[in-house]
Amino acid sequence: MIFVSACLLGENCKYSGGNNRDELVLSFLGGKEYLPVCPEVLGGLPIPRPPAEIVGDAVIDREGRDVTAAFKKGAEKTLRMALEHQPELCLLKANSPSCGCGMIYDGSFSGKKIPGDGITAALLKVHGFKVLTEKDLKKD
């Protein structure tokens, strides 16, 4: 079982209302059992929604609202699902404030990235789940 960011499968759950469909991810998942997840939607955020980035210990949207609680709620729901399903891999969206693993946007909404993990990715990693992004598939 693999958890995969729903936006990578082509589901329109991205903040903009679109998706991040990735043909390499779809090819990688061929013949494998997987479960789509979108922590931001699980946390109660609407589609579309203003983009958000991690600023210190908070998640702030472009309009200046603190949306940390929704991001944490979505991360906790995703963790509960992971504990139930025990995925061998969580394949999440790179750079996302929820799903980013290794690099995230810096909180300035300028496109600059810094080392770090999104809220959900960090929680899954702390609980021992293997987390990769679609960019890790491109390295192989």
Protein backbone atom coordinates (compact mmCIF):
# COMPACT_ATOMS: atom_id res chain seq x y z
CA MET A 1 0.00 0.00 0.00
CA ILE A 2 1.24 3.44 -0.96
CA PHE A 3 -0.20 6.76 0.19
CA VAL A 4 -0.02 9.34 -2.58
CA SER A 5 -0.90 13.02 -2.70
CA ALA A 6 -4.24 13.16 -4.51
CA CYS A 7 -3.14 16.16 -6.60
CA LEU A 8 -0.37 14.04 -8.15
CA LEU A 9 -3.04 11.65 -9.43
CA GLY A 10 -4.86 14.50 -11.16
CA GLU A 11 -7.47 15.23 -8.49
CA ASN A 12 -8.36 18.92 -8.44
CA CYS A 13 -7.54 19.54 -4.78
CA LYS A 14 -4.60 21.91 -5.21
CA TYR A 15 -4.94 25.33 -3.55
CA SER A 16 -5.68 26.88 -6.98
CA GLY A 17 -8.44 24.38 -7.71
CA GLY A 18 -6.23 22.52 -10.17
CA ASN A 19 -3.94 19.54 -9.79
CA ASN A 20 -0.32 18.43 -10.13
CA ARG A 21 -0.95 15.31 -12.25
CA ASP A 22 2.38 13.57 -12.73
CA GLU A 23 2.72 10.88 -15.38
CA LEU A 24 5.84 9.44 -13.74
CA VAL A 25 3.90 8.98 -10.47
CA LEU A 26 1.02 7.34 -12.33
CA SER A 27 3.46 5.02 -14.09
CA PHE A 28 5.22 4.19 -10.81
CA LEU A 29 1.89 3.32 -9.20
CA GLY A 30 0.81 1.04 -12.05
CA GLY A 31 -0.25 -2.33 -10.64
CA LYS A 32 0.31 -1.20 -7.04
CA GLU A 33 -2.29 -0.66 -4.34
CA TYR A 34 -2.47 3.00 -3.35
CA LEU A 35 -4.66 5.42 -1.45
CA PRO A 36 -5.00 9.11 -2.45
CA VAL A 37 -4.72 11.64 0.38
CA CYS A 38 -4.97 15.42 0.57
CA PRO A 39 -4.14 16.58 4.10
CA GLU A 40 -5.25 20.14 3.40
CA VAL A 41 -8.73 19.03 2.34
CA LEU A 42 -8.82 16.53 5.24
CA GLY A 43 -8.06 19.49 7.51
CA GLY A 44 -11.14 21.30 6.27
CA LEU A 45 -9.60 23.78 3.84
CA PRO A 46 -11.71 24.67 0.79
CA ILE A 47 -10.89 24.26 -2.89
CA PRO A 48 -9.76 26.71 -4.11
CA ARG A 49 -8.00 28.46 -1.23
CA PRO A 50 -5.26 31.06 -0.91
CA PRO A 51 -1.76 29.55 -1.12
CA ALA A 52 -0.08 29.02 2.24
CA GLU A 53 3.52 28.67 3.40
CA ILE A 54 5.23 27.78 6.66
CA VAL A 55 6.48 30.81 8.57
CA GLY A 56 8.33 29.78 11.73
CA ASP A 57 5.99 27.43 13.61
CA ALA A 58 2.85 28.63 11.81
CA VAL A 59 1.24 28.13 8.42
CA ILE A 60 0.10 31.47 7.01
CA ASP A 61 -1.87 31.98 3.83
CA ARG A 62 -1.11 34.71 1.32
CA GLU A 63 -3.89 36.86 2.84
CA GLY A 64 -2.16 36.74 6.24
CA ARG A 65 -4.50 34.26 7.93
CA ASP A 66 -3.06 31.66 10.28
CA VAL A 67 -4.23 28.30 8.93
CA THR A 68 -1.96 26.20 11.15
CA ALA A 69 -4.89 24.46 12.90
CA ALA A 70 -6.30 23.18 9.61
CA PHE A 71 -2.88 21.95 8.47
CA LYS A 72 -2.32 20.15 11.79
CA LYS A 73 -5.81 18.63 11.70
CA GLY A 74 -5.18 17.30 8.20
CA ALA A 75 -1.79 15.92 9.23
CA GLU A 76 -3.32 14.14 12.22
CA LYS A 77 -6.08 12.62 10.08
CA THR A 78 -3.50 11.46 7.55
CA LEU A 79 -1.42 9.94 10.35
CA ARG A 80 -4.46 8.06 11.69
CA MET A 81 -5.06 6.67 8.20
CA ALA A 82 -1.39 5.69 7.93
CA LEU A 83 -1.47 3.93 11.29
CA GLU A 84 -4.52 1.99 10.11
CA HIS A 85 -3.25 1.10 6.61
CA GLN A 86 0.52 0.93 7.31
CA PRO A 87 1.69 2.15 3.88
CA GLU A 88 5.17 1.05 2.86
CA LEU A 89 5.64 4.47 1.23
CA CYS A 90 4.05 7.91 1.37
CA LEU A 91 4.60 9.62 -2.00
CA LEU A 92 3.79 13.27 -1.40
CA LYS A 93 3.86 16.57 -3.32
CA ALA A 94 7.24 18.28 -3.24
CA ASN A 95 7.63 21.72 -1.64
CA SER A 96 4.09 21.77 -0.20
CA PRO A 97 3.50 23.19 3.29
CA SER A 98 1.68 19.91 4.02
CA CYS A 99 3.49 17.33 1.95
CA GLY A 100 6.92 18.74 1.13
CA CYS A 101 9.82 16.53 2.18
CA GLY A 102 13.32 17.96 2.38
CA MET A 103 12.50 21.33 0.79
CA ILE A 104 9.60 23.73 1.33
CA TYR A 105 8.80 27.29 0.32
CA ASP A 106 10.39 29.83 2.68
CA GLY A 107 7.25 31.72 3.76
CA SER A 108 7.86 34.80 1.63
CA PHE A 109 5.59 33.73 -1.27
CA SER A 110 8.52 34.52 -3.58
CA GLY A 111 9.14 30.97 -4.83
CA LYS A 112 12.32 30.65 -2.75
CA LYS A 113 12.81 27.25 -1.10
CA ILE A 114 14.54 26.26 2.12
CA PRO A 115 15.35 22.92 3.76
CA GLY A 116 12.40 21.56 5.71
CA ASP A 117 9.35 19.34 5.73
CA GLY A 118 5.66 20.10 5.42
CA ILE A 119 3.39 19.56 8.43
CA THR A 120 2.06 16.16 7.28
CA ALA A 121 5.38 14.88 5.96
CA ALA A 122 7.12 15.75 9.22
CA LEU A 123 4.45 13.99 11.31
CA LEU A 124 4.56 10.86 9.17
CA LYS A 125 8.37 10.76 9.35
CA VAL A 126 8.36 11.13 13.15
CA HIS A 127 6.11 8.06 13.29
CA GLY A 128 8.49 6.03 11.14
CA PHE A 129 6.78 6.19 7.75
CA LYS A 130 8.92 6.45 4.62
CA VAL A 131 8.16 9.74 2.87
CA LEU A 132 9.32 10.66 -0.63
CA THR A 133 8.18 13.20 -3.20
CA GLU A 134 7.59 12.90 -6.92
CA LYS A 135 11.00 14.55 -7.39
CA ASP A 136 12.63 11.53 -5.72
CA LEU A 137 11.19 9.30 -8.48
CA LYS A 138 12.93 11.46 -11.08
CA LYS A 139 16.33 10.81 -9.45
CA ASP A 140 16.19 7.08 -10.18
